[in-house]
């Protein structure tokens, strides 16, 4: 049962007919893995903690740098040089001390990623490189865990949900092929600060929807934002029957 303090803390979302007590309890019982505590991971972690997700597992092998502070709002100037996961833990604990926080200050191996994904209910990919995204996608489909994927560069962003529990759901590798992707980073191409906030907020929204079983998550759809004109587009994604990741899962 929710305590009086929890009823007050989460009252504005509990009053929503789509959420109510059942939805809030679903979030409180959830364990979510967030990979990357940068521009996308900052709003994702803060909104999931504020919403009352029971436990967050934070993974990042980087330290806070001055150049991060333009967009990575979970950190501040006093934490330059600190591990991002520890900086994030301090912010999240101050925001909502009820939320359990586990931190991993490392770059996970394939085996470590596999073992970790198996222990959570959902994964949010806030990484900034394709090799990590492909590895996360494989682990999620191997263990049947929903994946909320986001990316942002320059003034363009995208979000999609890949859910191996749904037979018709494509996966990240249905959209991109390993070796064919264009490797771009914020340090090379730049990014406007509010863009990562927008995309990360959408990722947090999709994660909450999936965890509580509400609304229509972006499964089989790719949401694209062109911030130059603030135009949103939605592309339908179809499952690739020859995909080496999700088609293999179906046959096992």
Protein backbone atom coordinates (compact mmCIF):
# COMPACT_ATOMS: atom_id res chain seq x y z
CA UNK A 1 0.00 0.00 0.00
CA UNK A 2 1.13 3.55 -0.70
CA UNK A 3 2.04 5.63 2.34
CA UNK A 4 0.46 9.01 3.01
CA UNK A 5 3.69 10.66 1.93
CA UNK A 6 3.71 8.73 -1.35
CA UNK A 7 0.08 9.59 -2.00
CA UNK A 8 0.99 13.25 -1.62
CA UNK A 9 4.27 13.09 -3.55
CA UNK A 10 2.71 11.33 -6.53
CA UNK A 11 -0.79 12.80 -6.27
CA UNK A 12 -0.75 14.69 -9.58
CA UNK A 13 -0.10 11.53 -11.57
CA UNK A 14 -2.22 9.20 -9.40
CA UNK A 15 -5.25 11.37 -10.18
CA UNK A 16 -4.88 10.55 -13.88
CA UNK A 17 -7.46 7.87 -14.83
CA UNK A 18 -4.81 6.08 -16.91
CA UNK A 19 -2.48 5.81 -13.89
CA UNK A 20 -4.32 5.76 -10.55
CA UNK A 21 -2.94 3.59 -7.73
CA UNK A 22 -2.22 0.57 -9.92
CA UNK A 23 0.01 2.53 -12.26
CA UNK A 24 1.92 4.15 -9.44
CA UNK A 25 2.46 0.80 -7.75
CA UNK A 26 3.74 -0.62 -11.05
CA UNK A 27 6.37 2.14 -11.19
CA UNK A 28 7.35 1.70 -7.56
CA UNK A 29 7.97 -2.01 -8.18
CA UNK A 30 9.99 -1.45 -11.36
CA UNK A 31 13.74 -1.68 -11.87
CA UNK A 32 15.06 0.29 -14.84
CA UNK A 33 18.52 0.28 -16.42
CA UNK A 34 19.72 3.63 -17.82
CA UNK A 35 22.88 3.42 -19.93
CA UNK A 36 24.55 6.79 -20.32
CA UNK A 37 24.24 9.72 -17.90
CA UNK A 38 24.83 12.50 -20.41
CA UNK A 39 22.44 14.76 -22.29
CA UNK A 40 19.72 12.14 -22.75
CA UNK A 41 20.30 10.21 -19.55
CA UNK A 42 20.00 13.35 -17.42
CA UNK A 43 16.29 14.07 -18.05
CA UNK A 44 15.48 10.37 -18.27
CA UNK A 45 16.93 9.62 -14.84
CA UNK A 46 15.46 12.74 -13.22
CA UNK A 47 11.93 12.20 -14.54
CA UNK A 48 11.89 8.48 -13.72
CA UNK A 49 13.14 9.20 -10.20
CA UNK A 50 10.63 12.01 -9.74
CA UNK A 51 7.81 9.76 -10.99
CA UNK A 52 8.67 7.12 -8.40
CA UNK A 53 10.31 4.29 -10.34
CA UNK A 54 11.45 2.02 -7.55
CA UNK A 55 15.03 1.35 -8.57
CA UNK A 56 17.34 2.87 -11.17
CA UNK A 57 20.54 1.19 -12.33
CA UNK A 58 22.89 3.84 -13.72
CA UNK A 59 25.77 2.87 -16.02
CA UNK A 60 28.44 5.23 -17.37
CA UNK A 61 32.24 5.06 -17.45
CA UNK A 62 32.80 8.78 -17.96
CA UNK A 63 33.57 11.70 -15.63
CA UNK A 64 31.87 15.10 -15.52
CA UNK A 65 33.62 17.59 -17.79
CA UNK A 66 33.09 21.33 -18.16
CA UNK A 67 31.89 20.84 -21.74
CA UNK A 68 29.09 18.54 -20.47
CA UNK A 69 27.38 21.21 -18.40
CA UNK A 70 25.81 22.99 -21.38
CA UNK A 71 23.27 20.16 -21.69
CA UNK A 72 23.77 17.47 -19.02
CA UNK A 73 21.52 18.99 -16.39
CA UNK A 74 21.91 16.24 -13.79
CA UNK A 75 25.49 17.47 -13.13
CA UNK A 76 26.87 20.83 -12.01
CA UNK A 77 30.15 22.76 -11.86
CA UNK A 78 31.00 21.51 -8.38
CA UNK A 79 31.16 17.93 -9.66
CA UNK A 80 33.62 18.40 -12.52
CA UNK A 81 36.02 15.45 -12.43
CA UNK A 82 33.58 13.20 -10.54
CA UNK A 83 32.16 10.01 -12.06
CA UNK A 84 28.90 10.82 -13.82
CA UNK A 85 27.11 7.97 -12.09
CA UNK A 86 28.00 9.34 -8.65
CA UNK A 87 27.07 12.88 -9.62
CA UNK A 88 23.74 11.55 -10.90
CA UNK A 89 23.19 9.56 -7.70
CA UNK A 90 23.55 12.71 -5.59
CA UNK A 91 21.07 14.64 -7.73
CA UNK A 92 18.51 11.84 -7.82
CA UNK A 93 18.74 11.12 -4.09
CA UNK A 94 18.12 14.79 -3.34
CA UNK A 95 15.18 14.77 -5.76
CA UNK A 96 13.54 11.61 -4.42
CA UNK A 97 15.25 9.76 -1.55
CA UNK A 98 12.78 6.86 -1.86
CA UNK A 99 14.26 5.69 -5.15
CA UNK A 100 16.90 2.96 -4.96
CA UNK A 101 20.04 3.79 -6.96
CA UNK A 102 22.65 1.31 -8.15
CA UNK A 103 25.67 2.71 -9.99
CA UNK A 104 28.20 1.06 -12.27
CA UNK A 105 31.21 3.21 -13.15
CA UNK A 106 32.38 1.08 -16.05
CA UNK A 107 31.93 0.18 -19.68
CA UNK A 108 30.06 -3.10 -19.59
CA UNK A 109 31.34 -6.15 -21.42
CA UNK A 110 28.88 -8.15 -23.51
CA UNK A 111 28.58 -10.69 -20.70
CA UNK A 112 28.15 -7.99 -18.06
CA UNK A 113 25.47 -6.29 -20.15
CA UNK A 114 23.65 -9.60 -20.62
CA UNK A 115 23.69 -10.34 -16.90
CA UNK A 116 22.47 -6.86 -16.00
CA UNK A 117 19.67 -6.66 -18.57
CA UNK A 118 18.24 -9.91 -17.26
CA UNK A 119 17.74 -8.33 -13.81
CA UNK A 120 15.69 -5.29 -14.90
CA UNK A 121 12.19 -4.65 -16.24
CA UNK A 122 13.14 -2.13 -18.93
CA UNK A 123 16.24 -0.57 -20.50
CA UNK A 124 16.65 3.05 -21.59
CA UNK A 125 19.48 3.51 -24.09
CA UNK A 126 20.99 6.98 -23.65
CA UNK A 127 24.39 6.04 -25.06
CA UNK A 128 26.17 8.01 -27.76
CA UNK A 129 27.76 5.35 -29.95
CA UNK A 130 26.47 2.68 -32.30
CA UNK A 131 28.49 -0.26 -30.97
CA UNK A 132 26.89 0.18 -27.54
CA UNK A 133 23.41 0.59 -29.04
CA UNK A 134 23.76 -2.63 -31.03
CA UNK A 135 24.99 -4.51 -27.95
CA UNK A 136 22.10 -3.20 -25.82
CA UNK A 137 19.60 -4.17 -28.51
CA UNK A 138 20.95 -7.71 -28.68
CA UNK A 139 20.84 -8.13 -24.90
CA UNK A 140 17.28 -6.79 -24.66
CA UNK A 141 15.96 -9.15 -27.32
CA UNK A 142 17.89 -12.08 -25.89
CA UNK A 143 16.24 -11.58 -22.50
CA UNK A 144 12.85 -10.24 -23.62
CA UNK A 145 13.23 -6.78 -22.08
CA UNK A 146 11.63 -3.67 -23.64
CA UNK A 147 14.08 -1.05 -24.88
CA UNK A 148 13.51 2.69 -25.15
CA UNK A 149 16.05 4.09 -27.59
CA UNK A 150 16.89 7.74 -28.19
CA UNK A 151 19.46 9.76 -30.10
CA UNK A 152 20.14 13.47 -30.66
CA UNK A 153 22.72 15.36 -32.71
CA UNK A 154 22.91 18.94 -33.94
CA UNK A 155 19.20 19.94 -34.10
CA UNK A 156 17.76 16.50 -34.88
CA UNK A 157 16.51 13.76 -32.59
CA UNK A 158 14.70 10.43 -32.63
CA UNK A 159 12.96 8.05 -30.24
CA UNK A 160 11.60 4.52 -30.65
CA UNK A 161 10.50 1.64 -28.44
CA UNK A 162 11.53 -1.93 -29.24
CA UNK A 163 9.60 -4.56 -27.31
CA UNK A 164 10.56 -8.23 -27.82
CA UNK A 165 7.44 -9.28 -25.89
CA UNK A 166 5.40 -8.19 -28.90
CA UNK A 167 5.83 -10.58 -31.85
CA UNK A 168 5.56 -7.84 -34.49
CA UNK A 169 8.00 -5.44 -32.83
CA UNK A 170 11.10 -4.62 -34.88
CA UNK A 171 14.43 -4.11 -33.16
CA UNK A 172 17.14 -1.47 -33.44
CA UNK A 173 19.02 -3.58 -35.97
CA UNK A 174 15.98 -3.66 -38.25
CA UNK A 175 16.56 0.11 -38.59
CA UNK A 176 20.36 0.19 -38.72
CA UNK A 177 22.87 -2.37 -39.96
CA UNK A 178 26.13 -2.85 -38.12
CA UNK A 179 29.00 -1.42 -40.17
CA UNK A 180 26.71 0.74 -42.31
CA UNK A 181 25.91 3.40 -39.73
CA UNK A 182 27.42 6.88 -39.78
CA UNK A 183 29.31 7.51 -36.55
CA UNK A 184 28.64 11.03 -35.29
CA UNK A 185 29.14 12.45 -31.81
CA UNK A 186 28.19 15.72 -30.12
CA UNK A 187 31.87 16.56 -29.67
CA UNK A 188 32.35 16.37 -33.45
CA UNK A 189 29.03 17.75 -34.71
CA UNK A 190 27.58 19.75 -31.83
CA UNK A 191 24.11 19.71 -30.29
CA UNK A 192 21.72 22.38 -29.06
CA UNK A 193 21.07 21.91 -25.34
CA UNK A 194 17.23 21.79 -25.23
CA UNK A 195 17.17 19.11 -27.94
CA UNK A 196 18.55 16.41 -25.64
CA UNK A 197 16.10 17.57 -22.97
CA UNK A 198 13.17 17.10 -25.35
CA UNK A 199 14.29 13.69 -26.60
CA UNK A 200 15.22 12.47 -23.13
CA UNK A 201 11.84 13.59 -21.79
CA UNK A 202 10.09 11.61 -24.52
CA UNK A 203 12.18 8.57 -23.61
CA UNK A 204 11.12 8.94 -19.97
CA UNK A 205 7.47 9.24 -21.01
CA UNK A 206 7.70 6.10 -23.14
CA UNK A 207 9.41 4.18 -20.33
CA UNK A 208 6.64 5.09 -17.89
CA UNK A 209 3.96 4.10 -20.41
CA UNK A 210 5.54 0.71 -21.01
CA UNK A 211 6.08 -0.02 -17.31
CA UNK A 212 2.49 0.82 -16.34
CA UNK A 213 0.88 -0.54 -19.52
CA UNK A 214 -0.77 2.75 -20.41
CA UNK A 215 -1.22 4.63 -23.66
CA UNK A 216 0.28 3.56 -26.97
CA UNK A 217 4.07 3.29 -26.77
CA UNK A 218 6.23 3.93 -29.84
CA UNK A 219 6.54 0.25 -30.74
CA UNK A 220 6.93 -0.14 -34.49
CA UNK A 221 7.23 3.63 -34.87
CA UNK A 222 10.18 6.01 -35.08
CA UNK A 223 9.49 9.53 -33.82
CA UNK A 224 11.70 12.13 -35.50
CA UNK A 225 12.19 15.75 -34.46
CA UNK A 226 13.62 18.47 -36.68
CA UNK A 227 14.23 21.27 -34.19
CA UNK A 228 15.05 23.75 -36.96
CA UNK A 229 11.32 23.97 -37.67
CA UNK A 230 10.01 22.04 -34.63
CA UNK A 231 8.44 19.52 -36.99
CA UNK A 232 7.68 16.03 -35.66
CA UNK A 233 7.40 13.11 -38.05
CA UNK A 234 6.45 9.51 -37.33
CA UNK A 235 7.77 6.70 -39.50
CA UNK A 236 6.39 3.18 -39.33
CA UNK A 237 9.02 0.54 -38.70
CA UNK A 238 8.52 -2.99 -39.92
CA UNK A 239 10.24 -6.05 -38.59
CA UNK A 240 12.97 -7.34 -40.89
CA UNK A 241 12.38 -11.09 -41.38
CA UNK A 242 16.10 -11.55 -42.02
CA UNK A 243 17.27 -9.47 -39.04
CA UNK A 244 20.12 -11.31 -37.29
CA UNK A 245 18.77 -10.23 -33.87
CA UNK A 246 14.99 -10.33 -33.61
CA UNK A 247 14.31 -12.93 -36.31
CA UNK A 248 16.74 -15.27 -34.55
CA UNK A 249 14.93 -14.72 -31.23
CA UNK A 250 11.63 -15.76 -32.79
CA UNK A 251 13.10 -19.06 -34.00
CA UNK A 252 14.62 -20.06 -30.67
